[in-house]
Amino acid sequence: MHKQDFAEAVVEICKADSRYDRDAYLFVREGLDFTIKSLKKQQQTNLVHRHVTGQELLTGIRQYALDQFGPMAKTVLDYWGIRCCEDFGEIVFNMVDKGILGKTDEDSRADFRNGFDFDEAFVHPYRPENTARRMPPAEPIEDQSRTGNQKKLKSSSN
């Protein structure tokens, strides 16, 4: 029996649960790698294996999405079927159930609830600051018919 590779496992997951695009699984796996590297830098450790909590993963995935897709992050995630933090949890636990990722006894799908608002996380950083100058009120247009300043049109028959 051969060991199933990541791509084969994701194909099987998507057959069983079609809510998320295959690329969503690759993105979450890459987001996990990104998160682990970020945590190692912050903690200045060289640990090869470190358990990442659901909240840590959400923070890392958010930053990874912004780095990879910029202002299109929410659109890309939505295209893949990811519309809230709980969707990341579903993807993670689909991979756990397939043996791609591991978990501790304390880990659960609930760890991904109330992570962050997608608009605040992916749209707000790209909204322009409200720097519009207030324009002075427009001056009223004079009614030239009352002031006698009307220009007379020359008749083409003259």
N, C-alpha and C. Protein backbone atom coordinates (compact mmCIF):
# COMPACT_ATOMS: atom_id res chain seq x y z
N MET A 1 0.85 -1.18 0.00
CA MET A 1 0.00 0.00 0.00
C MET A 1 0.89 1.24 0.00
N HIS A 2 0.62 2.19 -0.90
CA HIS A 2 1.43 3.39 -0.96
C HIS A 2 0.84 4.49 -0.08
N LYS A 3 1.75 5.33 0.38
CA LYS A 3 1.31 6.45 1.21
C LYS A 3 0.70 7.52 0.31
N GLN A 4 -0.44 7.99 0.68
CA GLN A 4 -1.17 8.97 -0.11
C GLN A 4 -0.48 10.32 0.01
N ASP A 5 -0.28 11.01 -1.13
CA ASP A 5 0.34 12.33 -1.05
C ASP A 5 -0.75 13.39 -0.81
N PHE A 6 -0.29 14.60 -0.56
CA PHE A 6 -1.19 15.69 -0.21
C PHE A 6 -2.26 15.91 -1.28
N ALA A 7 -1.84 15.97 -2.54
CA ALA A 7 -2.79 16.25 -3.63
C ALA A 7 -3.87 15.17 -3.72
N GLU A 8 -3.48 13.92 -3.59
CA GLU A 8 -4.46 12.83 -3.63
C GLU A 8 -5.43 12.92 -2.45
N ALA A 9 -4.90 13.24 -1.28
CA ALA A 9 -5.74 13.36 -0.09
C ALA A 9 -6.75 14.49 -0.26
N VAL A 10 -6.30 15.61 -0.83
CA VAL A 10 -7.20 16.75 -1.02
C VAL A 10 -8.30 16.41 -2.03
N VAL A 11 -7.96 15.68 -3.07
CA VAL A 11 -8.98 15.25 -4.04
C VAL A 11 -10.06 14.44 -3.33
N GLU A 12 -9.65 13.53 -2.47
CA GLU A 12 -10.62 12.72 -1.72
C GLU A 12 -11.45 13.57 -0.76
N ILE A 13 -10.79 14.52 -0.09
CA ILE A 13 -11.52 15.41 0.82
C ILE A 13 -12.58 16.17 0.04
N CYS A 14 -12.20 16.71 -1.11
CA CYS A 14 -13.14 17.52 -1.91
C CYS A 14 -14.31 16.69 -2.46
N LYS A 15 -14.06 15.41 -2.71
CA LYS A 15 -15.17 14.54 -3.13
C LYS A 15 -16.16 14.35 -2.00
N ALA A 16 -15.65 14.23 -0.78
CA ALA A 16 -16.51 14.01 0.38
C ALA A 16 -17.14 15.31 0.89
N ASP A 17 -16.44 16.44 0.71
CA ASP A 17 -16.91 17.74 1.21
C ASP A 17 -16.58 18.79 0.15
N SER A 18 -17.57 19.12 -0.64
CA SER A 18 -17.34 20.02 -1.79
C SER A 18 -17.50 21.50 -1.45
N ARG A 19 -17.57 21.84 -0.18
CA ARG A 19 -17.75 23.25 0.20
C ARG A 19 -16.57 24.12 -0.20
N TYR A 20 -15.37 23.56 -0.23
CA TYR A 20 -14.17 24.36 -0.43
C TYR A 20 -13.40 23.88 -1.65
N ASP A 21 -12.84 24.82 -2.36
CA ASP A 21 -12.01 24.53 -3.53
C ASP A 21 -10.71 23.83 -3.09
N ARG A 22 -10.16 23.04 -3.98
CA ARG A 22 -8.90 22.35 -3.66
C ARG A 22 -7.79 23.34 -3.30
N ASP A 23 -7.76 24.49 -3.97
CA ASP A 23 -6.73 25.49 -3.68
C ASP A 23 -6.83 26.03 -2.26
N ALA A 24 -8.01 25.97 -1.66
CA ALA A 24 -8.18 26.42 -0.28
C ALA A 24 -7.34 25.55 0.66
N TYR A 25 -7.27 24.26 0.38
CA TYR A 25 -6.49 23.35 1.22
C TYR A 25 -4.99 23.62 1.09
N LEU A 26 -4.55 23.86 -0.13
CA LEU A 26 -3.14 24.20 -0.34
C LEU A 26 -2.81 25.51 0.36
N PHE A 27 -3.71 26.47 0.25
CA PHE A 27 -3.50 27.76 0.90
C PHE A 27 -3.40 27.62 2.42
N VAL A 28 -4.27 26.83 3.02
CA VAL A 28 -4.24 26.65 4.48
C VAL A 28 -2.95 25.95 4.90
N ARG A 29 -2.52 24.98 4.12
CA ARG A 29 -1.26 24.31 4.45
C ARG A 29 -0.08 25.28 4.35
N GLU A 30 -0.07 26.10 3.29
CA GLU A 30 0.99 27.11 3.16
C GLU A 30 0.87 28.16 4.25
N GLY A 31 -0.37 28.51 4.62
CA GLY A 31 -0.59 29.46 5.71
C GLY A 31 -0.08 28.92 7.04
N LEU A 32 -0.19 27.62 7.24
CA LEU A 32 0.35 27.00 8.45
C LEU A 32 1.88 27.10 8.46
N ASP A 33 2.51 26.81 7.32
CA ASP A 33 3.97 26.94 7.23
C ASP A 33 4.41 28.38 7.50
N PHE A 34 3.69 29.32 6.93
CA PHE A 34 3.97 30.75 7.14
C PHE A 34 3.85 31.10 8.63
N THR A 35 2.80 30.59 9.27
CA THR A 35 2.55 30.87 10.68
C THR A 35 3.67 30.31 11.55
N ILE A 36 4.09 29.09 11.28
CA ILE A 36 5.16 28.48 12.06
C ILE A 36 6.45 29.28 11.92
N LYS A 37 6.77 29.69 10.71
CA LYS A 37 7.99 30.51 10.50
C LYS A 37 7.88 31.84 11.24
N SER A 38 6.70 32.45 11.19
CA SER A 38 6.50 33.73 11.89
C SER A 38 6.65 33.57 13.39
N LEU A 39 6.08 32.50 13.93
CA LEU A 39 6.18 32.26 15.37
C LEU A 39 7.62 31.99 15.78
N LYS A 40 8.36 31.27 14.96
CA LYS A 40 9.77 31.01 15.26
C LYS A 40 10.56 32.31 15.30
N LYS A 41 10.28 33.21 14.36
CA LYS A 41 10.97 34.51 14.34
C LYS A 41 10.65 35.32 15.59
N GLN A 42 9.36 35.34 15.95
CA GLN A 42 8.94 36.11 17.12
C GLN A 42 9.56 35.57 18.40
N GLN A 43 9.63 34.26 18.50
CA GLN A 43 10.13 33.64 19.71
C GLN A 43 11.62 33.34 19.63
N GLN A 44 12.19 33.57 18.47
CA GLN A 44 13.62 33.33 18.23
C GLN A 44 14.02 31.94 18.70
N THR A 45 13.24 30.97 18.25
CA THR A 45 13.55 29.57 18.58
C THR A 45 13.84 28.80 17.31
N ASN A 46 14.47 27.69 17.46
CA ASN A 46 14.76 26.82 16.32
C ASN A 46 14.00 25.51 16.45
N LEU A 47 12.88 25.54 17.12
CA LEU A 47 12.10 24.32 17.30
C LEU A 47 11.62 23.83 15.93
N VAL A 48 11.82 22.56 15.67
CA VAL A 48 11.40 21.99 14.40
C VAL A 48 9.89 21.78 14.40
N HIS A 49 9.36 21.25 15.50
CA HIS A 49 7.92 21.00 15.60
C HIS A 49 7.36 21.82 16.74
N ARG A 50 6.33 22.56 16.42
CA ARG A 50 5.66 23.37 17.44
C ARG A 50 4.19 23.32 17.15
N HIS A 51 3.40 23.05 18.13
CA HIS A 51 1.95 23.04 17.95
C HIS A 51 1.46 24.47 17.78
N VAL A 52 0.60 24.68 16.82
CA VAL A 52 0.02 25.99 16.55
C VAL A 52 -1.44 25.94 16.95
N THR A 53 -1.87 26.90 17.75
CA THR A 53 -3.27 26.95 18.16
C THR A 53 -4.13 27.47 17.02
N GLY A 54 -5.42 27.28 17.14
CA GLY A 54 -6.35 27.78 16.14
C GLY A 54 -6.26 29.28 15.97
N GLN A 55 -6.17 30.01 17.08
CA GLN A 55 -6.08 31.47 17.01
C GLN A 55 -4.76 31.93 16.39
N GLU A 56 -3.68 31.24 16.72
CA GLU A 56 -2.39 31.57 16.09
C GLU A 56 -2.44 31.33 14.59
N LEU A 57 -3.07 30.22 14.21
CA LEU A 57 -3.19 29.91 12.78
C LEU A 57 -4.04 30.96 12.07
N LEU A 58 -5.12 31.39 12.68
CA LEU A 58 -5.95 32.43 12.07
C LEU A 58 -5.17 33.72 11.87
N THR A 59 -4.38 34.09 12.85
CA THR A 59 -3.56 35.30 12.72
C THR A 59 -2.57 35.15 11.58
N GLY A 60 -1.92 34.00 11.51
CA GLY A 60 -0.95 33.75 10.45
C GLY A 60 -1.59 33.68 9.09
N ILE A 61 -2.72 33.01 8.98
CA ILE A 61 -3.42 32.90 7.70
C ILE A 61 -3.87 34.28 7.22
N ARG A 62 -4.35 35.09 8.14
CA ARG A 62 -4.78 36.45 7.76
C ARG A 62 -3.60 37.21 7.14
N GLN A 63 -2.46 37.18 7.81
CA GLN A 63 -1.29 37.90 7.29
C GLN A 63 -0.82 37.29 5.97
N TYR A 64 -0.84 35.98 5.88
CA TYR A 64 -0.42 35.31 4.65
C TYR A 64 -1.34 35.68 3.49
N ALA A 65 -2.64 35.73 3.73
CA ALA A 65 -3.59 36.11 2.68
C ALA A 65 -3.34 37.54 2.21
N LEU A 66 -3.10 38.44 3.16
CA LEU A 66 -2.81 39.83 2.79
C LEU A 66 -1.51 39.93 2.00
N ASP A 67 -0.50 39.16 2.41
CA ASP A 67 0.78 39.18 1.70
C ASP A 67 0.64 38.61 0.29
N GLN A 68 -0.13 37.56 0.14
CA GLN A 68 -0.26 36.88 -1.14
C GLN A 68 -1.21 37.59 -2.11
N PHE A 69 -2.31 38.10 -1.60
CA PHE A 69 -3.38 38.59 -2.47
C PHE A 69 -3.71 40.06 -2.31
N GLY A 70 -3.15 40.72 -1.31
CA GLY A 70 -3.41 42.14 -1.11
C GLY A 70 -4.90 42.44 -1.05
N PRO A 71 -5.33 43.47 -1.78
CA PRO A 71 -6.74 43.86 -1.72
C PRO A 71 -7.71 42.84 -2.30
N MET A 72 -7.18 41.81 -2.98
CA MET A 72 -8.03 40.76 -3.54
C MET A 72 -8.23 39.58 -2.59
N ALA A 73 -7.65 39.64 -1.39
CA ALA A 73 -7.69 38.51 -0.46
C ALA A 73 -9.10 38.01 -0.20
N LYS A 74 -10.00 38.90 0.16
CA LYS A 74 -11.37 38.47 0.48
C LYS A 74 -12.04 37.86 -0.74
N THR A 75 -11.80 38.42 -1.90
CA THR A 75 -12.39 37.89 -3.14
C THR A 75 -11.88 36.49 -3.44
N VAL A 76 -10.58 36.28 -3.30
CA VAL A 76 -9.99 34.96 -3.56
C VAL A 76 -10.54 33.94 -2.57
N LEU A 77 -10.53 34.29 -1.29
CA LEU A 77 -11.04 33.37 -0.27
C LEU A 77 -12.51 33.03 -0.52
N ASP A 78 -13.29 34.02 -0.86
CA ASP A 78 -14.71 33.80 -1.16
C ASP A 78 -14.87 32.86 -2.35
N TYR A 79 -14.04 33.03 -3.36
CA TYR A 79 -14.09 32.16 -4.54
C TYR A 79 -13.83 30.70 -4.15
N TRP A 80 -12.97 30.50 -3.17
CA TRP A 80 -12.65 29.15 -2.70
C TRP A 80 -13.68 28.61 -1.72
N GLY A 81 -14.66 29.43 -1.33
CA GLY A 81 -15.69 29.00 -0.39
C GLY A 81 -15.41 29.38 1.04
N ILE A 82 -14.37 30.16 1.27
CA ILE A 82 -14.00 30.57 2.64
C ILE A 82 -14.58 31.95 2.89
N ARG A 83 -15.56 32.01 3.81
CA ARG A 83 -16.26 33.27 4.05
C ARG A 83 -16.19 33.74 5.50
N CYS A 84 -15.64 32.87 6.37
CA CYS A 84 -15.50 33.23 7.78
C CYS A 84 -14.41 32.35 8.40
N CYS A 85 -13.98 32.69 9.59
CA CYS A 85 -12.90 31.95 10.26
C CYS A 85 -13.27 30.50 10.51
N GLU A 86 -14.55 30.23 10.74
CA GLU A 86 -14.97 28.85 10.95
C GLU A 86 -14.67 27.98 9.74
N ASP A 87 -14.69 28.56 8.55
CA ASP A 87 -14.35 27.80 7.34
C ASP A 87 -12.90 27.32 7.38
N PHE A 88 -11.99 28.14 7.91
CA PHE A 88 -10.61 27.68 8.07
C PHE A 88 -10.56 26.47 9.00
N GLY A 89 -11.34 26.52 10.07
CA GLY A 89 -11.40 25.39 10.99
C GLY A 89 -11.91 24.13 10.33
N GLU A 90 -12.92 24.26 9.49
CA GLU A 90 -13.46 23.10 8.77
C GLU A 90 -12.39 22.50 7.86
N ILE A 91 -11.66 23.35 7.17
CA ILE A 91 -10.59 22.88 6.28
C ILE A 91 -9.51 22.17 7.09
N VAL A 92 -9.09 22.80 8.19
CA VAL A 92 -8.06 22.20 9.04
C VAL A 92 -8.51 20.82 9.53
N PHE A 93 -9.74 20.73 10.02
CA PHE A 93 -10.19 19.46 10.58
C PHE A 93 -10.50 18.42 9.49
N ASN A 94 -10.81 18.87 8.28
CA ASN A 94 -10.90 17.90 7.18
C ASN A 94 -9.52 17.29 6.92
N MET A 95 -8.48 18.11 7.03
CA MET A 95 -7.12 17.60 6.83
C MET A 95 -6.68 16.74 8.02
N VAL A 96 -7.10 17.11 9.21
CA VAL A 96 -6.81 16.28 10.39
C VAL A 96 -7.45 14.91 10.23
N ASP A 97 -8.73 14.89 9.84
CA ASP A 97 -9.45 13.63 9.67
C ASP A 97 -8.82 12.73 8.61
N LYS A 98 -8.17 13.35 7.63
CA LYS A 98 -7.52 12.60 6.55
C LYS A 98 -6.08 12.22 6.91
N GLY A 99 -5.59 12.71 8.04
CA GLY A 99 -4.24 12.37 8.48
C GLY A 99 -3.16 13.27 7.93
N ILE A 100 -3.54 14.37 7.30
CA ILE A 100 -2.57 15.32 6.75
C ILE A 100 -1.97 16.17 7.86
N LEU A 101 -2.82 16.60 8.79
CA LEU A 101 -2.39 17.42 9.93
C LEU A 101 -2.68 16.67 11.22
N GLY A 102 -1.96 17.03 12.26
CA GLY A 102 -2.19 16.45 13.57
C GLY A 102 -2.89 17.45 14.47
N LYS A 103 -3.37 16.95 15.60
CA LYS A 103 -4.03 17.82 16.58
C LYS A 103 -3.78 17.27 17.97
N THR A 104 -4.00 18.15 18.93
CA THR A 104 -3.94 17.70 20.33
C THR A 104 -5.35 17.41 20.81
N ASP A 105 -5.48 16.85 21.98
CA ASP A 105 -6.79 16.56 22.55
C ASP A 105 -7.59 17.84 22.82
N GLU A 106 -6.89 18.94 23.01
CA GLU A 106 -7.56 20.20 23.31
C GLU A 106 -8.04 20.93 22.06
N ASP A 107 -7.55 20.56 20.89
CA ASP A 107 -7.92 21.25 19.65
C ASP A 107 -9.34 20.89 19.23
N SER A 108 -10.06 21.89 18.74
CA SER A 108 -11.41 21.64 18.23
C SER A 108 -11.77 22.69 17.19
N ARG A 109 -12.84 22.41 16.49
CA ARG A 109 -13.33 23.37 15.49
C ARG A 109 -13.71 24.69 16.16
N ALA A 110 -14.11 24.63 17.40
CA ALA A 110 -14.52 25.84 18.14
C ALA A 110 -13.37 26.83 18.28
N ASP A 111 -12.13 26.37 18.15
CA ASP A 111 -10.98 27.27 18.25
C ASP A 111 -10.97 28.32 17.14
N PHE A 112 -11.75 28.09 16.10
CA PHE A 112 -11.76 29.00 14.96
C PHE A 112 -12.97 29.93 14.95
N ARG A 113 -13.78 29.85 15.99
CA ARG A 113 -14.95 30.73 16.09
C ARG A 113 -14.51 32.12 16.53
N ASN A 114 -15.20 33.11 16.03
CA ASN A 114 -14.99 34.50 16.43
C ASN A 114 -13.55 34.96 16.27
N GLY A 115 -12.89 34.49 15.22
CA GLY A 115 -11.50 34.88 15.00
C GLY A 115 -11.37 36.34 14.60
N PHE A 116 -11.95 36.70 13.48
CA PHE A 116 -11.94 38.08 13.01
C PHE A 116 -13.02 38.24 11.96
N ASP A 117 -13.41 39.45 11.76
CA ASP A 117 -14.38 39.82 10.74
C ASP A 117 -13.64 39.94 9.39
N PHE A 118 -14.12 39.29 8.36
CA PHE A 118 -13.43 39.28 7.07
C PHE A 118 -13.33 40.67 6.46
N ASP A 119 -14.36 41.49 6.58
CA ASP A 119 -14.28 42.85 6.03
C ASP A 119 -13.20 43.66 6.76
N GLU A 120 -13.19 43.56 8.08
CA GLU A 120 -12.17 44.28 8.86
C GLU A 120 -10.77 43.77 8.53
N ALA A 121 -10.63 42.48 8.34
CA ALA A 121 -9.32 41.88 8.12
C ALA A 121 -8.80 42.08 6.71
N PHE A 122 -9.67 41.98 5.71
CA PHE A 122 -9.20 41.93 4.33
C PHE A 122 -9.61 43.12 3.46
N VAL A 123 -10.62 43.87 3.87
CA VAL A 123 -11.06 45.02 3.07
C VAL A 123 -10.58 46.32 3.70
N HIS A 124 -10.79 46.45 5.00
CA HIS A 124 -10.46 47.69 5.70
C HIS A 124 -9.02 48.17 5.50
N PRO A 125 -8.01 47.28 5.52
CA PRO A 125 -6.63 47.77 5.36
C PRO A 125 -6.38 48.49 4.03
N TYR A 126 -7.26 48.31 3.07
CA TYR A 126 -7.06 48.90 1.75
C TYR A 126 -8.00 50.05 1.46
N ARG A 127 -8.83 50.40 2.42
CA ARG A 127 -9.70 51.56 2.23
C ARG A 127 -8.86 52.82 2.38
N PRO A 128 -9.08 53.78 1.51
CA PRO A 128 -8.32 55.03 1.66
C PRO A 128 -8.74 55.78 2.91
N GLU A 129 -7.78 56.46 3.48
CA GLU A 129 -8.10 57.30 4.63
C GLU A 129 -9.04 58.40 4.16
N ASN A 130 -9.87 58.90 5.05
CA ASN A 130 -10.79 59.97 4.69
C ASN A 130 -10.03 61.29 4.69
N THR A 131 -9.34 61.53 3.60
CA THR A 131 -8.53 62.74 3.50
C THR A 131 -9.14 63.75 2.55
N ALA A 132 -10.36 63.51 2.14
CA ALA A 132 -11.01 64.42 1.20
C ALA A 132 -11.16 65.80 1.87
N ARG A 133 -10.79 66.80 1.12
CA ARG A 133 -10.93 68.18 1.64
C ARG A 133 -12.38 68.59 1.51
N ARG A 134 -12.79 69.33 2.49
CA ARG A 134 -14.15 69.86 2.41
C ARG A 134 -14.15 71.01 1.42
N MET A 135 -15.01 70.91 0.47
CA MET A 135 -15.11 71.95 -0.55
C MET A 135 -16.03 73.04 -0.03
N PRO A 136 -15.68 74.29 -0.30
CA PRO A 136 -16.59 75.37 0.12
C PRO A 136 -17.89 75.26 -0.66
N PRO A 137 -18.94 75.75 -0.07
CA PRO A 137 -20.21 75.69 -0.81
C PRO A 137 -20.11 76.46 -2.12
N ALA A 138 -20.76 75.97 -3.12
CA ALA A 138 -20.74 76.62 -4.43
C ALA A 138 -21.44 77.96 -4.35
N GLU A 139 -20.88 78.91 -5.09
CA GLU A 139 -21.52 80.23 -5.14
C GLU A 139 -22.74 80.15 -6.02
N PRO A 140 -23.78 80.87 -5.66
CA PRO A 140 -24.99 80.82 -6.49
C PRO A 140 -24.73 81.39 -7.87
N ILE A 141 -25.36 80.81 -8.85
CA ILE A 141 -25.24 81.28 -10.23
C ILE A 141 -26.22 82.43 -10.41
N GLU A 142 -25.69 83.50 -10.97
CA GLU A 142 -26.57 84.66 -11.17
C GLU A 142 -27.57 84.37 -12.28
N ASP A 143 -28.74 84.83 -12.06
CA ASP A 143 -29.75 84.72 -13.10
C ASP A 143 -29.55 85.90 -14.02
N GLN A 144 -28.90 85.67 -15.15
CA GLN A 144 -28.52 86.75 -16.04
C GLN A 144 -29.70 87.35 -16.77
N SER A 145 -30.83 86.69 -16.79
CA SER A 145 -32.01 87.25 -17.46
C SER A 145 -32.51 88.47 -16.70
N ARG A 146 -32.23 88.56 -15.42
CA ARG A 146 -32.69 89.69 -14.62
C ARG A 146 -31.68 90.83 -14.63
N THR A 147 -30.43 90.56 -14.93
CA THR A 147 -29.42 91.61 -14.86
C THR A 147 -29.21 92.29 -16.19
N GLY A 148 -29.84 91.79 -17.23
CA GLY A 148 -29.70 92.42 -18.53
C GLY A 148 -28.41 92.07 -19.22
N ASN A 149 -27.71 91.08 -18.76
CA ASN A 149 -26.43 90.68 -19.34
C ASN A 149 -26.57 89.54 -20.35
N GLN A 150 -27.74 89.34 -20.87
CA GLN A 150 -27.94 88.27 -21.83
C GLN A 150 -27.26 88.61 -23.14
N LYS A 151 -26.63 87.65 -23.71
CA LYS A 151 -26.04 87.84 -25.04
C LYS A 151 -27.11 87.53 -26.06
N LYS A 152 -27.17 88.38 -27.03
CA LYS A 152 -28.18 88.15 -28.07
C LYS A 152 -27.55 87.34 -29.15
N LEU A 153 -28.26 86.34 -29.57
CA LEU A 153 -27.79 85.51 -30.66
C LEU A 153 -28.10 86.18 -31.96
N LYS A 154 -27.11 86.11 -32.86
CA LYS A 154 -27.35 86.67 -34.20
C LYS A 154 -28.22 85.70 -34.96
N SER A 155 -29.12 86.23 -35.62
CA SER A 155 -29.98 85.40 -36.41
C SER A 155 -29.25 85.00 -37.66
N SER A 156 -29.38 83.76 -38.06
CA SER A 156 -28.71 83.30 -39.27
C SER A 156 -29.36 83.85 -40.51
N SER A 157 -30.53 84.44 -40.39
CA SER A 157 -31.22 84.99 -41.56
C SER A 157 -30.76 86.40 -41.84
N ASN A 158 -29.96 87.07 -41.00
CA ASN A 158 -29.49 88.44 -41.22
C ASN A 158 -28.32 88.47 -42.13
